[in-house]
C-alpha atoms as a PDB file:
ATOM      1  CA  MET A   1      -7.638  -2.914  15.860  1.00  0.00           C
ATOM      2  CA  ALA A   2      -4.519  -5.100  15.793  1.00  0.00           C
ATOM      3  CA  ALA A   3      -1.083  -3.477  15.949  1.00  0.00           C
ATOM      4  CA  ARG A   4      -0.149  -4.336  12.367  1.00  0.00           C
ATOM      5  CA  SER A   5      -3.515  -3.104  11.097  1.00  0.00           C
ATOM      6  CA  LYS A   6      -2.864   0.225  12.819  1.00  0.00           C
ATOM      7  CA  ALA A   7       0.647   0.270  11.353  1.00  0.00           C
ATOM      8  CA  ARG A   8      -0.758  -0.257   7.849  1.00  0.00           C
ATOM      9  CA  LYS A   9      -3.239   2.586   8.375  1.00  0.00           C
ATOM     10  CA  ARG A  10      -0.443   4.891   9.536  1.00  0.00           C
ATOM     11  CA  ALA A  11       1.719   3.885   6.549  1.00  0.00           C
ATOM     12  CA  LEU A  12      -1.230   4.703   4.294  1.00  0.00           C
ATOM     13  CA  ASP A  13      -1.559   8.101   6.003  1.00  0.00           C
ATOM     14  CA  ILE A  14       2.100   8.816   5.247  1.00  0.00           C
ATOM     15  CA  LEU A  15       1.867   7.709   1.609  1.00  0.00           C
ATOM     16  CA  PHE A  16      -1.391   9.633   1.097  1.00  0.00           C
ATOM     17  CA  ALA A  17       0.000  12.826   2.635  1.00  0.00           C
ATOM     18  CA  GLY A  18       3.107  12.506   0.501  1.00  0.00           C
ATOM     19  CA  GLU A  19       1.079  12.341  -2.684  1.00  0.00           C
ATOM     20  CA  LEU A  20      -0.909  15.413  -1.681  1.00  0.00           C
ATOM     21  CA  ARG A  21       2.389  17.258  -1.169  1.00  0.00           C
ATOM     22  CA  ASP A  22       3.899  15.822  -4.359  1.00  0.00           C
ATOM     23  CA  GLU A  23       6.545  14.000  -2.309  1.00  0.00           C
ATOM     24  CA  GLY A  24       7.885  10.498  -2.695  1.00  0.00           C
ATOM     25  CA  PRO A  25       7.287   7.969   0.085  1.00  0.00           C
ATOM     26  CA  ALA A  26      10.746   8.373   1.647  1.00  0.00           C
ATOM     27  CA  GLN A  27      10.476  12.153   1.679  1.00  0.00           C
ATOM     28  CA  SER A  28       6.993  11.984   3.161  1.00  0.00           C
ATOM     29  CA  LEU A  29       8.218   9.640   5.904  1.00  0.00           C
ATOM     30  CA  GLU A  30      11.132  11.939   6.732  1.00  0.00           C
ATOM     31  CA  ARG A  31       8.777  14.935   6.934  1.00  0.00           C
ATOM     32  CA  TRP A  32       6.413  12.912   9.151  1.00  0.00           C
ATOM     33  CA  LEU A  33       9.256  12.017  11.511  1.00  0.00           C
ATOM     34  CA  ALA A  34      10.722  15.546  11.493  1.00  0.00           C
ATOM     35  CA  GLU A  35       7.348  17.025  12.422  1.00  0.00           C
ATOM     36  CA  GLY A  36       7.137  14.686  15.397  1.00  0.00           C
ATOM     37  CA  GLU A  37       4.095  12.755  14.239  1.00  0.00           C
ATOM     38  CA  PRO A  38       3.610   9.634  16.348  1.00  0.00           C
ATOM     39  CA  LEU A  39       4.767   6.337  14.922  1.00  0.00           C
ATOM     40  CA  ASP A  40       4.054   3.782  17.605  1.00  0.00           C
ATOM     41  CA  ASN A  41       4.899   0.803  15.437  1.00  0.00           C
ATOM     42  CA  GLN A  42       8.122   0.269  13.486  1.00  0.00           C
ATOM     43  CA  TYR A  43       6.114  -1.698  10.928  1.00  0.00           C
ATOM     44  CA  SER A  44       4.699   1.592   9.570  1.00  0.00           C
ATOM     45  CA  VAL A  45       8.226   2.789   8.860  1.00  0.00           C
ATOM     46  CA  ASP A  46       9.185  -0.569   7.344  1.00  0.00           C
ATOM     47  CA  LEU A  47       6.174  -0.481   5.013  1.00  0.00           C
ATOM     48  CA  VAL A  48       6.802   3.059   3.786  1.00  0.00           C
ATOM     49  CA  ARG A  49      10.507   2.409   3.290  1.00  0.00           C
ATOM     50  CA  GLY A  50       9.721  -0.831   1.451  1.00  0.00           C
ATOM     51  CA  VAL A  51       7.280   0.911  -0.880  1.00  0.00           C
ATOM     52  CA  ALA A  52       9.852   3.664  -1.480  1.00  0.00           C
ATOM     53  CA  GLU A  53      12.591   1.152  -2.273  1.00  0.00           C
ATOM     54  CA  HIS A  54      10.473  -0.881  -4.699  1.00  0.00           C
ATOM     55  CA  GLN A  55       8.033   1.752  -5.979  1.00  0.00           C
ATOM     56  CA  ASP A  56       8.955   1.538  -9.667  1.00  0.00           C
ATOM     57  CA  GLU A  57       8.524  -2.244  -9.715  1.00  0.00           C
ATOM     58  CA  ILE A  58       5.369  -2.086  -7.570  1.00  0.00           C
ATOM     59  CA  ASP A  59       3.794   0.551  -9.799  1.00  0.00           C
ATOM     60  CA  GLN A  60       4.561  -1.463 -12.924  1.00  0.00           C
ATOM     61  CA  LEU A  61       2.976  -4.568 -11.427  1.00  0.00           C
ATOM     62  CA  ILE A  62      -0.134  -2.564 -10.538  1.00  0.00           C
ATOM     63  CA  ARG A  63      -0.287  -1.104 -14.059  1.00  0.00           C
ATOM     64  CA  ASP A  64      -0.026  -4.581 -15.567  1.00  0.00           C
ATOM     65  CA  ALA A  65      -2.715  -6.033 -13.286  1.00  0.00           C
ATOM     66  CA  ALA A  66      -5.166  -3.111 -13.421  1.00  0.00           C
ATOM     67  CA  GLN A  67      -6.526  -3.687 -16.882  1.00  0.00           C
ATOM     68  CA  GLY A  68      -8.086  -0.545 -18.295  1.00  0.00           C
ATOM     69  CA  TRP A  69      -6.875   1.674 -15.442  1.00  0.00           C
ATOM     70  CA  THR A  70      -3.843   3.922 -15.163  1.00  0.00           C
ATOM     71  CA  LEU A  71      -2.249   4.655 -11.807  1.00  0.00           C
ATOM     72  CA  GLU A  72      -3.121   8.312 -12.239  1.00  0.00           C
ATOM     73  CA  ARG A  73      -6.815   7.527 -12.725  1.00  0.00           C
ATOM     74  CA  MET A  74      -7.086   5.480  -9.530  1.00  0.00           C
ATOM     75  CA  PRO A  75      -8.245   7.147  -6.328  1.00  0.00           C
ATOM     76  CA  VAL A  76      -5.219   8.133  -4.243  1.00  0.00           C
ATOM     77  CA  VAL A  77      -6.278   5.838  -1.401  1.00  0.00           C
ATOM     78  CA  ASP A  78      -6.643   2.840  -3.725  1.00  0.00           C
ATOM     79  CA  ARG A  79      -3.298   3.465  -5.407  1.00  0.00           C
ATOM     80  CA  ASN A  80      -1.457   3.612  -2.099  1.00  0.00           C
ATOM     81  CA  VAL A  81      -3.292   0.676  -0.551  1.00  0.00           C
ATOM     82  CA  LEU A  82      -2.314  -1.325  -3.635  1.00  0.00           C
ATOM     83  CA  ARG A  83       1.311  -0.274  -3.179  1.00  0.00           C
ATOM     84  CA  LEU A  84       1.252  -1.440   0.434  1.00  0.00           C
ATOM     85  CA  GLY A  85      -0.467  -4.693  -0.513  1.00  0.00           C
ATOM     86  CA  VAL A  86       1.953  -5.479  -3.325  1.00  0.00           C
ATOM     87  CA  TYR A  87       4.903  -4.736  -1.062  1.00  0.00           C
ATOM     88  CA  GLU A  88       3.582  -7.123   1.592  1.00  0.00           C
ATOM     89  CA  ILE A  89       2.772  -9.836  -0.953  1.00  0.00           C
ATOM     90  CA  LEU A  90       6.183  -9.783  -2.615  1.00  0.00           C
ATOM     91  CA  TRP A  91       8.645  -8.694   0.066  1.00  0.00           C
ATOM     92  CA  CYS A  92       7.163  -9.558   3.481  1.00  0.00           C
ATOM     93  CA  ASP A  93       7.666 -13.291   3.801  1.00  0.00           C
ATOM     94  CA  ASP A  94       6.144 -13.351   7.287  1.00  0.00           C
ATOM     95  CA  ILE A  95       2.798 -11.991   6.010  1.00  0.00           C
ATOM     96  CA  PRO A  96       0.582 -14.559   4.255  1.00  0.00           C
ATOM     97  CA  ASN A  97      -0.753 -13.273   0.948  1.00  0.00           C
ATOM     98  CA  ALA A  98      -4.325 -13.759   2.146  1.00  0.00           C
ATOM     99  CA  VAL A  99      -3.636 -11.473   5.116  1.00  0.00           C
ATOM    100  CA  ALA A 100      -2.064  -8.790   2.916  1.00  0.00           C
ATOM    101  CA  VAL A 101      -5.102  -8.852   0.609  1.00  0.00           C
ATOM    102  CA  SER A 102      -7.578  -8.907   3.490  1.00  0.00           C
ATOM    103  CA  GLU A 103      -5.907  -5.938   5.198  1.00  0.00           C
ATOM    104  CA  ALA A 104      -5.874  -3.981   1.931  1.00  0.00           C
ATOM    105  CA  LEU A 105      -9.580  -4.662   1.463  1.00  0.00           C
ATOM    106  CA  ALA A 106     -10.312  -3.502   5.006  1.00  0.00           C
ATOM    107  CA  LEU A 107      -8.478  -0.222   4.376  1.00  0.00           C
ATOM    108  CA  VAL A 108     -10.248   0.607   1.130  1.00  0.00           C
ATOM    109  CA  GLY A 109     -13.549  -0.595   2.549  1.00  0.00           C
ATOM    110  CA  ASP A 110     -13.239   1.976   5.320  1.00  0.00           C
ATOM    111  CA  LEU A 111     -11.570   4.802   3.417  1.00  0.00           C
ATOM    112  CA  SER A 112     -12.408   4.722  -0.280  1.00  0.00           C
ATOM    113  CA  THR A 113     -15.271   4.261  -2.727  1.00  0.00           C
ATOM    114  CA  ASP A 114     -17.913   1.539  -2.729  1.00  0.00           C
ATOM    115  CA  GLU A 115     -16.269  -0.015  -5.804  1.00  0.00           C
ATOM    116  CA  SER A 116     -12.763   0.032  -4.352  1.00  0.00           C
ATOM    117  CA  PRO A 117     -12.798  -3.302  -2.487  1.00  0.00           C
ATOM    118  CA  SER A 118     -13.667  -5.314  -5.600  1.00  0.00           C
ATOM    119  CA  PHE A 119     -11.153  -3.349  -7.698  1.00  0.00           C
ATOM    120  CA  VAL A 120      -8.329  -3.767  -5.163  1.00  0.00           C
ATOM    121  CA  ASN A 121      -9.203  -7.444  -4.693  1.00  0.00           C
ATOM    122  CA  GLY A 122      -8.994  -8.018  -8.454  1.00  0.00           C
ATOM    123  CA  VAL A 123      -5.651  -6.257  -8.829  1.00  0.00           C
ATOM    124  CA  LEU A 124      -4.050  -7.915  -5.812  1.00  0.00           C
ATOM    125  CA  GLY A 125      -5.527 -11.280  -6.808  1.00  0.00           C
ATOM    126  CA  ALA A 126      -3.832 -11.012 -10.203  1.00  0.00           C
ATOM    127  CA  ILE A 127      -0.543 -10.097  -8.557  1.00  0.00           C
ATOM    128  CA  VAL A 128      -0.791 -13.040  -6.131  1.00  0.00           C
ATOM    129  CA  ARG A 129      -1.504 -15.438  -9.027  1.00  0.00           C
ATOM    130  CA  ASN A 130       1.526 -14.178 -10.926  1.00  0.00           C
ATOM    131  CA  ALA A 131       3.869 -13.894  -7.936  1.00  0.00           C
ATOM    132  CA  PRO A 132       6.883 -16.158  -7.907  1.00  0.00           C
ATOM    133  CA  THR A 133       6.567 -18.994  -5.416  1.00  0.00           C
ATOM    134  CA  SER A 134       9.402 -19.677  -3.034  1.00  0.00           C
END
């Protein structure tokens, strides 16, 4: 597994654990670091901090793109993979949108429901189509 793929998985672990503890992303990251959990790649930290910084906007974009679904109704894995994907699509200029979507699909394909890849692909696809171009 490539270094950035591992970093995305670790960022997902942090976001997922935070939701289970009813913590925000930044608080979950700080707990993770305080407990001495390994973070071999700074990109994990960057992703979690980016999601934390832009979470309100990210969540609204997901709500708008996920027709017929609320954030609360989505599986926790899907919701957090979408947050990571949206962050990479909109704020990580060095990550091509196709890579961000592909990595999100790989995560949900491995960790979520059978329906999750098509759902996540549809939501991220809508966000990519509506994203401002530079």
